[in-house]
Protein backbone atom coordinates (compact mmCIF):
# COMPACT_ATOMS: atom_id res chain seq x y z
CA MET A 1 -0.18 0.34 0.04
CA ARG A 2 1.20 3.70 -1.03
CA LEU A 3 -0.24 6.33 1.46
CA HIS A 4 0.50 10.08 -0.26
CA THR A 5 0.61 12.45 2.00
CA LEU A 6 1.19 16.28 2.75
CA GLY A 7 5.38 15.81 2.82
CA PRO A 8 8.32 16.96 4.58
CA ALA A 9 8.17 14.19 7.80
CA ALA A 10 8.52 17.01 9.55
CA THR A 11 5.08 18.34 8.86
CA ASP A 12 1.73 17.05 11.08
CA SER A 13 0.31 15.43 7.87
CA TYR A 14 3.74 12.63 7.02
CA ALA A 15 2.72 12.06 11.00
CA ALA A 16 -0.57 11.17 10.51
CA ALA A 17 0.20 8.98 7.80
CA GLN A 18 3.01 7.40 10.25
CA THR A 19 0.04 6.82 13.19
CA TYR A 20 -2.19 4.77 10.68
CA ASN A 21 0.55 3.34 9.09
CA ALA A 22 1.12 1.80 12.21
CA ALA A 23 -2.47 1.66 13.34
CA HIS A 24 -3.36 -0.37 10.33
CA PHE A 25 -0.77 -1.11 8.09
CA ALA A 26 2.30 -2.23 10.42
CA GLY A 27 4.35 -0.28 9.16
CA GLN A 28 4.37 -2.05 5.95
CA ALA A 29 2.92 0.75 3.63
CA THR A 30 4.73 3.83 1.97
CA ILE A 31 4.87 6.76 2.58
CA ILE A 32 5.40 8.99 -0.41
CA ASP A 33 5.35 13.04 0.43
CA HIS A 34 4.68 15.88 -1.43
CA LEU A 35 4.77 19.18 -1.87
CA SER A 36 1.39 19.88 -2.00
CA PHE A 37 -1.82 18.79 -1.41
CA GLU A 38 -3.02 20.52 -4.59
CA GLU A 39 -0.31 18.67 -6.55
CA ILE A 40 -1.77 14.66 -5.23
CA LEU A 41 -5.46 16.24 -5.78
CA THR A 42 -4.12 17.63 -9.27
CA ASN A 43 -2.68 14.36 -10.32
CA LEU A 44 -4.94 11.52 -8.94
CA ALA A 45 -5.71 9.56 -12.46
CA ALA A 46 -1.51 8.81 -11.24
CA TYR A 47 -2.32 7.25 -8.49
CA ALA A 48 -5.26 5.04 -8.52
CA GLY A 49 -5.07 2.00 -6.17
CA ASP A 50 -3.01 4.30 -3.86
CA ALA A 51 -4.87 5.93 -0.94
CA LEU A 52 -4.33 9.65 0.74
CA ILE A 53 -3.83 11.22 4.35
CA ILE A 54 -5.74 14.87 4.36
CA PRO A 55 -6.69 16.64 7.54
CA ALA A 56 -10.82 18.04 7.78
CA ALA A 57 -9.33 21.18 7.69
CA PHE A 58 -7.48 21.08 4.84
CA LYS A 59 -8.25 24.48 2.47
CA SER A 60 -6.48 25.40 -0.52
CA THR A 61 -5.88 29.13 -1.36
CA SER A 62 -5.52 28.02 -4.73
CA LEU A 63 -7.72 25.51 -5.69
CA ASP A 64 -10.36 28.00 -3.99
CA ALA A 65 -11.34 24.99 -1.53
CA SER A 66 -11.63 23.31 1.74
CA TRP A 67 -11.78 19.24 2.66
CA GLY A 68 -16.04 19.65 2.07
CA ASP A 69 -15.21 21.30 -1.55
CA VAL A 70 -12.90 18.24 -2.37
CA HIS A 71 -14.73 15.36 -0.69
CA TYR A 72 -16.94 16.48 -2.73
CA ALA A 73 -16.19 17.30 -6.36
CA LEU A 74 -14.03 14.39 -6.13
CA LEU A 75 -16.37 11.58 -5.73
CA ALA A 76 -15.90 9.62 -9.44
CA GLN A 77 -12.08 10.47 -8.04
CA MET A 78 -11.62 8.76 -4.75
CA THR A 79 -14.10 7.03 -1.83
CA LEU A 80 -13.18 7.94 2.09
CA ILE A 81 -13.47 5.20 3.67
CA ASP A 82 -12.60 6.03 7.25
CA CYS A 83 -11.46 9.30 10.08
CA PHE A 84 -8.97 9.56 12.79
CA MET A 85 -7.91 11.75 15.60
CA THR A 86 -4.55 12.69 16.35
CA ARG A 87 -2.75 15.46 18.24
CA LEU A 88 -0.91 17.66 16.45
CA ASP A 89 2.54 18.89 17.37
CA PRO A 90 2.22 22.47 19.20
CA LEU A 91 1.71 25.67 17.43
CA VAL A 92 3.03 28.34 17.62
CA VAL A 93 2.66 31.89 16.82
CA VAL A 94 6.29 33.61 16.71
CA GLN A 95 7.03 37.72 16.10
CA ARG A 96 10.46 39.42 14.51
CA LEU A 97 10.91 42.03 16.95
CA ASP A 98 13.13 43.63 14.33
CA ALA A 99 11.07 43.12 11.54
CA ASP A 100 9.55 46.39 9.81
CA ASN A 101 6.38 44.79 7.90
CA ARG A 102 3.25 43.03 9.18
CA ILE A 103 3.92 40.19 6.64
CA GLY A 104 2.82 36.86 8.90
CA TYR A 105 3.29 33.01 6.95
CA THR A 106 1.53 30.23 7.98
CA HIS A 107 -0.61 27.32 5.93
CA ALA A 108 -3.71 28.79 4.38
CA ALA A 109 -5.64 25.81 7.34
CA THR A 110 -4.45 28.22 9.70
CA ALA A 111 -4.47 31.00 8.00
CA GLN A 112 -7.08 32.81 9.63
CA LEU A 113 -5.67 31.36 13.39
CA LEU A 114 -2.64 33.88 12.73
CA GLN A 115 -4.89 36.61 11.64
CA ARG A 116 -6.99 36.04 14.79
CA THR A 117 -4.24 36.64 17.17
CA VAL A 118 -2.26 38.97 15.53
CA GLN A 119 -3.84 41.99 13.85
CA PRO A 120 -3.25 44.05 11.35
CA VAL A 121 -1.65 40.86 9.93
CA VAL A 122 -0.49 40.35 5.60
CA LEU A 123 -1.52 37.38 5.38
CA GLN A 124 1.80 34.69 3.11
CA THR A 125 -0.11 31.19 3.08
CA ALA A 126 2.67 28.37 2.06
CA SER A 127 1.52 24.86 1.01
CA SER A 128 2.53 23.51 4.61
CA LYS A 129 3.16 24.82 8.06
CA TYR A 130 6.92 23.43 7.46
CA LEU A 131 7.03 25.64 4.54
CA ALA A 132 5.66 28.67 6.33
CA TYR A 133 8.58 28.70 8.81
CA GLN A 134 11.21 28.60 6.04
CA ALA A 135 9.51 31.63 4.28
CA TYR A 136 9.50 33.68 7.63
CA GLN A 137 12.96 33.13 7.52
CA GLN A 138 14.10 33.93 4.39
CA ASN A 139 12.18 37.15 4.28
CA GLN A 140 12.61 38.51 7.72
CA ALA A 141 8.76 38.07 7.57
CA ALA A 142 7.52 40.15 11.38
CA TYR A 143 5.75 36.45 11.95
CA VAL A 144 4.71 32.98 11.32
CA LEU A 145 2.68 29.99 12.84
CA THR A 146 4.11 27.25 12.82
CA ASN A 147 5.04 23.99 14.16
CA GLU A 148 7.14 24.56 17.37
CA LYS A 149 9.48 22.01 16.44
CA ASN A 150 10.11 24.14 13.85
CA VAL A 151 11.34 27.36 15.30
CA THR A 152 14.24 28.06 17.26
CA LEU A 153 13.74 31.13 19.18
CA GLN A 154 16.61 33.99 18.09
CA LYS A 155 16.93 36.94 20.63
CA ASN A 156 15.22 39.16 17.65
CA GLU A 157 11.78 36.92 18.39
CA ARG A 158 9.00 36.24 21.31
CA LEU A 159 6.63 33.74 21.17
CA ILE A 160 2.95 34.69 21.28
CA LYS A 161 0.61 32.31 21.24
CA ARG A 162 1.23 28.64 22.03
CA PHE A 163 -2.20 26.27 20.57
CA THR A 164 -2.20 22.43 21.11
CA PRO A 165 -5.10 21.13 19.08
CA SER A 166 -6.54 18.22 17.88
CA MET A 167 -6.82 17.03 14.50
CA VAL A 168 -9.54 14.82 12.47
CA TRP A 169 -7.25 12.76 9.24
CA CYS A 170 -8.84 11.08 6.19
CA TYR A 171 -8.75 7.95 4.72
CA TYR A 172 -9.30 8.21 1.38
CA GLN A 173 -8.98 5.01 -1.31
CA ILE A 174 -7.93 6.84 -4.75
CA ASN A 175 -9.73 5.34 -7.15
């Protein structure tokens, strides 16, 4: 069995795929990580017979779609088989104190959470919270909402907020 999900291994999606693999396939399934869920969803025909692990909180700015939109739009291409819940790695909002902008990076699914935590903020989304942190660092942005494990606080940064949510995950058979 091949399980497709968002990568790299630092993402919550990859961790969820590992959890499902251990519980249902005794760790014998192969996890295929992708740069984005959009990459998977727009190429489902290439993965026929495989499976997809996707969070119920999925949201895509490029597809202008949420999990519900994708679920109904792709009924013929994939079948929902199972759902499960995991605890996400803690999420944090970090502020760069010497930034001269109001730019904040995160994943599209957590964009509203960042916007509710920091106002005003100019939102920039990435295909994963891991990549959002990379963009925050590279572009010297003012804020990032990412997984705590991604962050090494510097002297010019401070932690604004920490969240410890759970997530519902969906296991689909790709037709």
